[in-house]
Amino acid sequence: TAVYYCASTPYGSRWYDPHKYDYW
């Protein structure tokens, strides 16, 4: 149970890091 967010990243690694995502 949670709010599920989609996000976009320009990076090809460390996808687990939310700071790598620029749009939500």
PDB file of all heavy atoms in Angstrom:
ATOM      1  N   THR A   1       0.832  -1.197   0.000  1.00  0.00           N
ATOM      2  CA  THR A   1       0.000   0.000   0.000  1.00  0.00           C
ATOM      3  C   THR A   1       0.870   1.251   0.000  1.00  0.00           C
ATOM      4  O   THR A   1       1.721   1.433   0.871  1.00  0.00           O
ATOM      5  CB  THR A   1      -0.931   0.012   1.218  1.00  0.00           C
ATOM      6  OG1 THR A   1      -1.852  -1.077   1.122  1.00  0.00           O
ATOM      7  CG2 THR A   1      -1.717   1.318   1.290  1.00  0.00           C
ATOM      8  N   ALA A   2       0.655   2.109  -0.986  1.00  0.00           N
ATOM      9  CA  ALA A   2       1.462   3.320  -1.130  1.00  0.00           C
ATOM     10  C   ALA A   2       0.948   4.120  -2.317  1.00  0.00           C
ATOM     11  O   ALA A   2       0.126   3.642  -3.103  1.00  0.00           O
ATOM     12  CB  ALA A   2       2.933   2.967  -1.349  1.00  0.00           C
ATOM     13  N   VAL A   3       1.453   5.330  -2.437  1.00  0.00           N
ATOM     14  CA  VAL A   3       1.296   6.079  -3.669  1.00  0.00           C
ATOM     15  C   VAL A   3       2.433   5.663  -4.589  1.00  0.00           C
ATOM     16  O   VAL A   3       3.602   5.713  -4.199  1.00  0.00           O
ATOM     17  CB  VAL A   3       1.327   7.598  -3.436  1.00  0.00           C
ATOM     18  CG1 VAL A   3       1.250   8.345  -4.763  1.00  0.00           C
ATOM     19  CG2 VAL A   3       0.176   8.017  -2.529  1.00  0.00           C
ATOM     20  N   TYR A   4       2.097   5.255  -5.783  1.00  0.00           N
ATOM     21  CA  TYR A   4       3.084   4.804  -6.750  1.00  0.00           C
ATOM     22  C   TYR A   4       3.365   5.912  -7.741  1.00  0.00           C
ATOM     23  O   TYR A   4       2.450   6.443  -8.380  1.00  0.00           O
ATOM     24  CB  TYR A   4       2.596   3.544  -7.466  1.00  0.00           C
ATOM     25  CG  TYR A   4       2.745   2.310  -6.614  1.00  0.00           C
ATOM     26  CD1 TYR A   4       1.929   2.114  -5.505  1.00  0.00           C
ATOM     27  CD2 TYR A   4       3.720   1.352  -6.893  1.00  0.00           C
ATOM     28  CE1 TYR A   4       2.083   0.998  -4.699  1.00  0.00           C
ATOM     29  CE2 TYR A   4       3.870   0.236  -6.095  1.00  0.00           C
ATOM     30  CZ  TYR A   4       3.054   0.062  -4.998  1.00  0.00           C
ATOM     31  OH  TYR A   4       3.208  -1.049  -4.204  1.00  0.00           O
ATOM     32  N   TYR A   5       4.645   6.258  -7.889  1.00  0.00           N
ATOM     33  CA  TYR A   5       5.079   7.340  -8.751  1.00  0.00           C
ATOM     34  C   TYR A   5       5.896   6.819  -9.924  1.00  0.00           C
ATOM     35  O   TYR A   5       6.749   5.949  -9.754  1.00  0.00           O
ATOM     36  CB  TYR A   5       5.948   8.336  -7.982  1.00  0.00           C
ATOM     37  CG  TYR A   5       5.243   9.078  -6.876  1.00  0.00           C
ATOM     38  CD1 TYR A   5       5.271   8.600  -5.573  1.00  0.00           C
ATOM     39  CD2 TYR A   5       4.562  10.254  -7.137  1.00  0.00           C
ATOM     40  CE1 TYR A   5       4.635   9.282  -4.551  1.00  0.00           C
ATOM     41  CE2 TYR A   5       3.928  10.948  -6.122  1.00  0.00           C
ATOM     42  CZ  TYR A   5       3.972  10.454  -4.831  1.00  0.00           C
ATOM     43  OH  TYR A   5       3.341  11.144  -3.824  1.00  0.00           O
ATOM     44  N   CYS A   6       5.656   7.376 -11.077  1.00  0.00           N
ATOM     45  CA  CYS A   6       6.469   7.145 -12.256  1.00  0.00           C
ATOM     46  C   CYS A   6       7.474   8.283 -12.372  1.00  0.00           C
ATOM     47  O   CYS A   6       7.153   9.437 -12.074  1.00  0.00           O
ATOM     48  CB  CYS A   6       5.573   7.090 -13.496  1.00  0.00           C
ATOM     49  SG  CYS A   6       6.427   6.831 -15.056  1.00  0.00           S
ATOM     50  N   ALA A   7       8.696   7.979 -12.788  1.00  0.00           N
ATOM     51  CA  ALA A   7       9.726   8.997 -12.900  1.00  0.00           C
ATOM     52  C   ALA A   7      10.646   8.712 -14.077  1.00  0.00           C
ATOM     53  O   ALA A   7      10.804   7.563 -14.490  1.00  0.00           O
ATOM     54  CB  ALA A   7      10.544   9.074 -11.609  1.00  0.00           C
ATOM     55  N   SER A   8      11.260   9.768 -14.588  1.00  0.00           N
ATOM     56  CA  SER A   8      12.141   9.698 -15.750  1.00  0.00           C
ATOM     57  C   SER A   8      13.569  10.021 -15.349  1.00  0.00           C
ATOM     58  O   SER A   8      13.813  10.960 -14.593  1.00  0.00           O
ATOM     59  CB  SER A   8      11.665  10.691 -16.812  1.00  0.00           C
ATOM     60  OG  SER A   8      12.619  10.851 -17.840  1.00  0.00           O
ATOM     61  N   THR A   9      14.516   9.248 -15.874  1.00  0.00           N
ATOM     62  CA  THR A   9      15.921   9.512 -15.603  1.00  0.00           C
ATOM     63  C   THR A   9      16.730   9.501 -16.894  1.00  0.00           C
ATOM     64  O   THR A   9      16.481   8.680 -17.772  1.00  0.00           O
ATOM     65  CB  THR A   9      16.518   8.482 -14.618  1.00  0.00           C
ATOM     66  OG1 THR A   9      17.906   8.773 -14.415  1.00  0.00           O
ATOM     67  CG2 THR A   9      16.392   7.055 -15.149  1.00  0.00           C
ATOM     68  N   PRO A  10      17.713  10.403 -17.023  1.00  0.00           N
ATOM     69  CA  PRO A  10      18.609  10.373 -18.182  1.00  0.00           C
ATOM     70  C   PRO A  10      19.799   9.447 -17.990  1.00  0.00           C
ATOM     71  O   PRO A  10      20.622   9.320 -18.894  1.00  0.00           O
ATOM     72  CB  PRO A  10      19.067  11.831 -18.299  1.00  0.00           C
ATOM     73  CG  PRO A  10      19.105  12.293 -16.880  1.00  0.00           C
ATOM     74  CD  PRO A  10      17.947  11.603 -16.197  1.00  0.00           C
ATOM     75  N   TYR A  11      19.891   8.809 -16.829  1.00  0.00           N
ATOM     76  CA  TYR A  11      21.045   7.997 -16.497  1.00  0.00           C
ATOM     77  C   TYR A  11      20.812   6.517 -16.756  1.00  0.00           C
ATOM     78  O   TYR A  11      19.684   6.015 -16.643  1.00  0.00           O
ATOM     79  CB  TYR A  11      21.444   8.204 -15.039  1.00  0.00           C
ATOM     80  CG  TYR A  11      21.823   9.623 -14.722  1.00  0.00           C
ATOM     81  CD1 TYR A  11      20.962  10.455 -14.014  1.00  0.00           C
ATOM     82  CD2 TYR A  11      23.046  10.135 -15.149  1.00  0.00           C
ATOM     83  CE1 TYR A  11      21.305  11.762 -13.733  1.00  0.00           C
ATOM     84  CE2 TYR A  11      23.393  11.438 -14.874  1.00  0.00           C
ATOM     85  CZ  TYR A  11      22.523  12.245 -14.164  1.00  0.00           C
ATOM     86  OH  TYR A  11      22.879  13.544 -13.892  1.00  0.00           O
ATOM     87  N   GLY A  12      21.899   5.826 -17.055  1.00  0.00           N
ATOM     88  CA  GLY A  12      21.828   4.406 -17.355  1.00  0.00           C
ATOM     89  C   GLY A  12      22.257   3.500 -16.223  1.00  0.00           C
ATOM     90  O   GLY A  12      22.380   2.291 -16.414  1.00  0.00           O
ATOM     91  N   SER A  13      22.465   4.061 -15.061  1.00  0.00           N
ATOM     92  CA  SER A  13      22.883   3.270 -13.914  1.00  0.00           C
ATOM     93  C   SER A  13      22.318   3.871 -12.636  1.00  0.00           C
ATOM     94  O   SER A  13      21.822   4.997 -12.633  1.00  0.00           O
ATOM     95  CB  SER A  13      24.411   3.192 -13.831  1.00  0.00           C
ATOM     96  OG  SER A  13      24.974   4.475 -13.637  1.00  0.00           O
ATOM     97  N   ARG A  14      22.413   3.108 -11.554  1.00  0.00           N
ATOM     98  CA  ARG A  14      21.948   3.523 -10.228  1.00  0.00           C
ATOM     99  C   ARG A  14      20.499   3.974 -10.256  1.00  0.00           C
ATOM    100  O   ARG A  14      20.125   4.991  -9.665  1.00  0.00           O
ATOM    101  CB  ARG A  14      22.863   4.604  -9.644  1.00  0.00           C
ATOM    102  CG  ARG A  14      24.322   4.167  -9.541  1.00  0.00           C
ATOM    103  CD  ARG A  14      25.042   4.865  -8.426  1.00  0.00           C
ATOM    104  NE  ARG A  14      25.206   6.281  -8.679  1.00  0.00           N
ATOM    105  CZ  ARG A  14      25.728   7.141  -7.811  1.00  0.00           C
ATOM    106  NH1 ARG A  14      26.134   6.719  -6.634  1.00  0.00           N
ATOM    107  NH2 ARG A  14      25.840   8.416  -8.140  1.00  0.00           N
ATOM    108  N   TRP A  15      19.654   3.205 -10.889  1.00  0.00           N
ATOM    109  CA  TRP A  15      18.241   3.534 -11.019  1.00  0.00           C
ATOM    110  C   TRP A  15      17.504   3.527  -9.693  1.00  0.00           C
ATOM    111  O   TRP A  15      16.413   4.073  -9.591  1.00  0.00           O
ATOM    112  CB  TRP A  15      17.566   2.568 -11.993  1.00  0.00           C
ATOM    113  CG  TRP A  15      17.987   2.753 -13.415  1.00  0.00           C
ATOM    114  CD1 TRP A  15      18.632   3.826 -13.962  1.00  0.00           C
ATOM    115  CD2 TRP A  15      17.792   1.836 -14.499  1.00  0.00           C
ATOM    116  NE1 TRP A  15      18.839   3.637 -15.307  1.00  0.00           N
ATOM    117  CE2 TRP A  15      18.336   2.426 -15.662  1.00  0.00           C
ATOM    118  CE3 TRP A  15      17.205   0.574 -14.590  1.00  0.00           C
ATOM    119  CZ2 TRP A  15      18.303   1.791 -16.915  1.00  0.00           C
ATOM    120  CZ3 TRP A  15      17.169  -0.064 -15.827  1.00  0.00           C
ATOM    121  CH2 TRP A  15      17.721   0.550 -16.968  1.00  0.00           C
ATOM    122  N   TYR A  16      18.095   2.888  -8.704  1.00  0.00           N
ATOM    123  CA  TYR A  16      17.495   2.827  -7.380  1.00  0.00           C
ATOM    124  C   TYR A  16      17.545   4.164  -6.653  1.00  0.00           C
ATOM    125  O   TYR A  16      16.864   4.354  -5.642  1.00  0.00           O
ATOM    126  CB  TYR A  16      18.199   1.769  -6.527  1.00  0.00           C
ATOM    127  CG  TYR A  16      19.701   1.951  -6.474  1.00  0.00           C
ATOM    128  CD1 TYR A  16      20.284   2.845  -5.587  1.00  0.00           C
ATOM    129  CD2 TYR A  16      20.534   1.241  -7.335  1.00  0.00           C
ATOM    130  CE1 TYR A  16      21.657   3.035  -5.560  1.00  0.00           C
ATOM    131  CE2 TYR A  16      21.907   1.419  -7.318  1.00  0.00           C
ATOM    132  CZ  TYR A  16      22.462   2.324  -6.427  1.00  0.00           C
ATOM    133  OH  TYR A  16      23.826   2.506  -6.405  1.00  0.00           O
ATOM    134  N   ASP A  17      18.362   5.088  -7.140  1.00  0.00           N
ATOM    135  CA  ASP A  17      18.573   6.378  -6.500  1.00  0.00           C
ATOM    136  C   ASP A  17      17.552   7.388  -7.015  1.00  0.00           C
ATOM    137  O   ASP A  17      17.606   7.793  -8.178  1.00  0.00           O
ATOM    138  CB  ASP A  17      19.995   6.853  -6.781  1.00  0.00           C
ATOM    139  CG  ASP A  17      20.353   8.140  -6.061  1.00  0.00           C
ATOM    140  OD1 ASP A  17      19.473   8.739  -5.406  1.00  0.00           O
ATOM    141  OD2 ASP A  17      21.522   8.553  -6.158  1.00  0.00           O
ATOM    142  N   PRO A  18      16.615   7.834  -6.188  1.00  0.00           N
ATOM    143  CA  PRO A  18      15.604   8.786  -6.652  1.00  0.00           C
ATOM    144  C   PRO A  18      16.171  10.119  -7.112  1.00  0.00           C
ATOM    145  O   PRO A  18      15.530  10.824  -7.902  1.00  0.00           O
ATOM    146  CB  PRO A  18      14.689   8.960  -5.436  1.00  0.00           C
ATOM    147  CG  PRO A  18      15.541   8.589  -4.269  1.00  0.00           C
ATOM    148  CD  PRO A  18      16.441   7.497  -4.767  1.00  0.00           C
ATOM    149  N   HIS A  19      17.377  10.467  -6.643  1.00  0.00           N
ATOM    150  CA  HIS A  19      17.993  11.723  -7.048  1.00  0.00           C
ATOM    151  C   HIS A  19      18.460  11.708  -8.494  1.00  0.00           C
ATOM    152  O   HIS A  19      18.796  12.763  -9.035  1.00  0.00           O
ATOM    153  CB  HIS A  19      19.164  12.063  -6.124  1.00  0.00           C
ATOM    154  CG  HIS A  19      18.752  12.318  -4.714  1.00  0.00           C
ATOM    155  ND1 HIS A  19      18.967  11.417  -3.698  1.00  0.00           N
ATOM    156  CD2 HIS A  19      18.115  13.376  -4.151  1.00  0.00           C
ATOM    157  CE1 HIS A  19      18.492  11.897  -2.576  1.00  0.00           C
ATOM    158  NE2 HIS A  19      17.970  13.090  -2.821  1.00  0.00           N
ATOM    159  N   LYS A  20      18.474  10.545  -9.113  1.00  0.00           N
ATOM    160  CA  LYS A  20      18.855  10.431 -10.519  1.00  0.00           C
ATOM    161  C   LYS A  20      17.702  10.749 -11.460  1.00  0.00           C
ATOM    162  O   LYS A  20      17.905  10.848 -12.668  1.00  0.00           O
ATOM    163  CB  LYS A  20      19.372   9.021 -10.811  1.00  0.00           C
ATOM    164  CG  LYS A  20      20.630   8.633 -10.045  1.00  0.00           C
ATOM    165  CD  LYS A  20      21.806   9.509 -10.429  1.00  0.00           C
ATOM    166  CE  LYS A  20      23.073   9.068  -9.716  1.00  0.00           C
ATOM    167  NZ  LYS A  20      24.221   9.950 -10.043  1.00  0.00           N
ATOM    168  N   TYR A  21      16.523  10.915 -10.921  1.00  0.00           N
ATOM    169  CA  TYR A  21      15.330  11.147 -11.731  1.00  0.00           C
ATOM    170  C   TYR A  21      14.991  12.633 -11.775  1.00  0.00           C
ATOM    171  O   TYR A  21      14.957  13.299 -10.730  1.00  0.00           O
ATOM    172  CB  TYR A  21      14.155  10.345 -11.181  1.00  0.00           C
ATOM    173  CG  TYR A  21      14.362   8.858 -11.346  1.00  0.00           C
ATOM    174  CD1 TYR A  21      15.191   8.157 -10.484  1.00  0.00           C
ATOM    175  CD2 TYR A  21      13.741   8.165 -12.381  1.00  0.00           C
ATOM    176  CE1 TYR A  21      15.408   6.792 -10.652  1.00  0.00           C
ATOM    177  CE2 TYR A  21      13.941   6.808 -12.548  1.00  0.00           C
ATOM    178  CZ  TYR A  21      14.776   6.129 -11.687  1.00  0.00           C
ATOM    179  OH  TYR A  21      14.982   4.780 -11.851  1.00  0.00           O
ATOM    180  N   ASP A  22      14.723  13.139 -12.969  1.00  0.00           N
ATOM    181  CA  ASP A  22      14.501  14.572 -13.132  1.00  0.00           C
ATOM    182  C   ASP A  22      13.035  14.962 -13.286  1.00  0.00           C
ATOM    183  O   ASP A  22      12.681  16.127 -13.059  1.00  0.00           O
ATOM    184  CB  ASP A  22      15.317  15.120 -14.307  1.00  0.00           C
ATOM    185  CG  ASP A  22      15.177  14.297 -15.585  1.00  0.00           C
ATOM    186  OD1 ASP A  22      14.380  13.346 -15.617  1.00  0.00           O
ATOM    187  OD2 ASP A  22      15.884  14.623 -16.561  1.00  0.00           O
ATOM    188  N   TYR A  23      12.177  14.029 -13.680  1.00  0.00           N
ATOM    189  CA  TYR A  23      10.761  14.320 -13.812  1.00  0.00           C
ATOM    190  C   TYR A  23       9.947  13.251 -13.112  1.00  0.00           C
ATOM    191  O   TYR A  23      10.284  12.067 -13.159  1.00  0.00           O
ATOM    192  CB  TYR A  23      10.352  14.411 -15.286  1.00  0.00           C
ATOM    193  CG  TYR A  23      11.047  15.525 -16.028  1.00  0.00           C
ATOM    194  CD1 TYR A  23      12.117  15.269 -16.862  1.00  0.00           C
ATOM    195  CD2 TYR A  23      10.622  16.849 -15.880  1.00  0.00           C
ATOM    196  CE1 TYR A  23      12.765  16.289 -17.534  1.00  0.00           C
ATOM    197  CE2 TYR A  23      11.270  17.878 -16.546  1.00  0.00           C
ATOM    198  CZ  TYR A  23      12.333  17.588 -17.370  1.00  0.00           C
ATOM    199  OH  TYR A  23      12.975  18.610 -18.033  1.00  0.00           O
ATOM    200  N   TRP A  24       8.860  13.684 -12.494  1.00  0.00           N
ATOM    201  CA  TRP A  24       7.997  12.802 -11.721  1.00  0.00           C
ATOM    202  C   TRP A  24       6.536  13.025 -12.070  1.00  0.00           C
ATOM    203  O   TRP A  24       6.117  14.144 -12.353  1.00  0.00           O
ATOM    204  CB  TRP A  24       8.182  13.048 -10.221  1.00  0.00           C
ATOM    205  CG  TRP A  24       9.547  12.694  -9.725  1.00  0.00           C
ATOM    206  CD1 TRP A  24      10.691  13.434  -9.844  1.00  0.00           C
ATOM    207  CD2 TRP A  24       9.914  11.503  -9.020  1.00  0.00           C
ATOM    208  NE1 TRP A  24      11.742  12.771  -9.258  1.00  0.00           N
ATOM    209  CE2 TRP A  24      11.299  11.598  -8.747  1.00  0.00           C
ATOM    210  CE3 TRP A  24       9.208  10.381  -8.591  1.00  0.00           C
ATOM    211  CZ2 TRP A  24      11.983  10.589  -8.058  1.00  0.00           C
ATOM    212  CZ3 TRP A  24       9.885   9.384  -7.909  1.00  0.00           C
ATOM    213  CH2 TRP A  24      11.260   9.499  -7.651  1.00  0.00           C
TER     214      TRP A  24
END
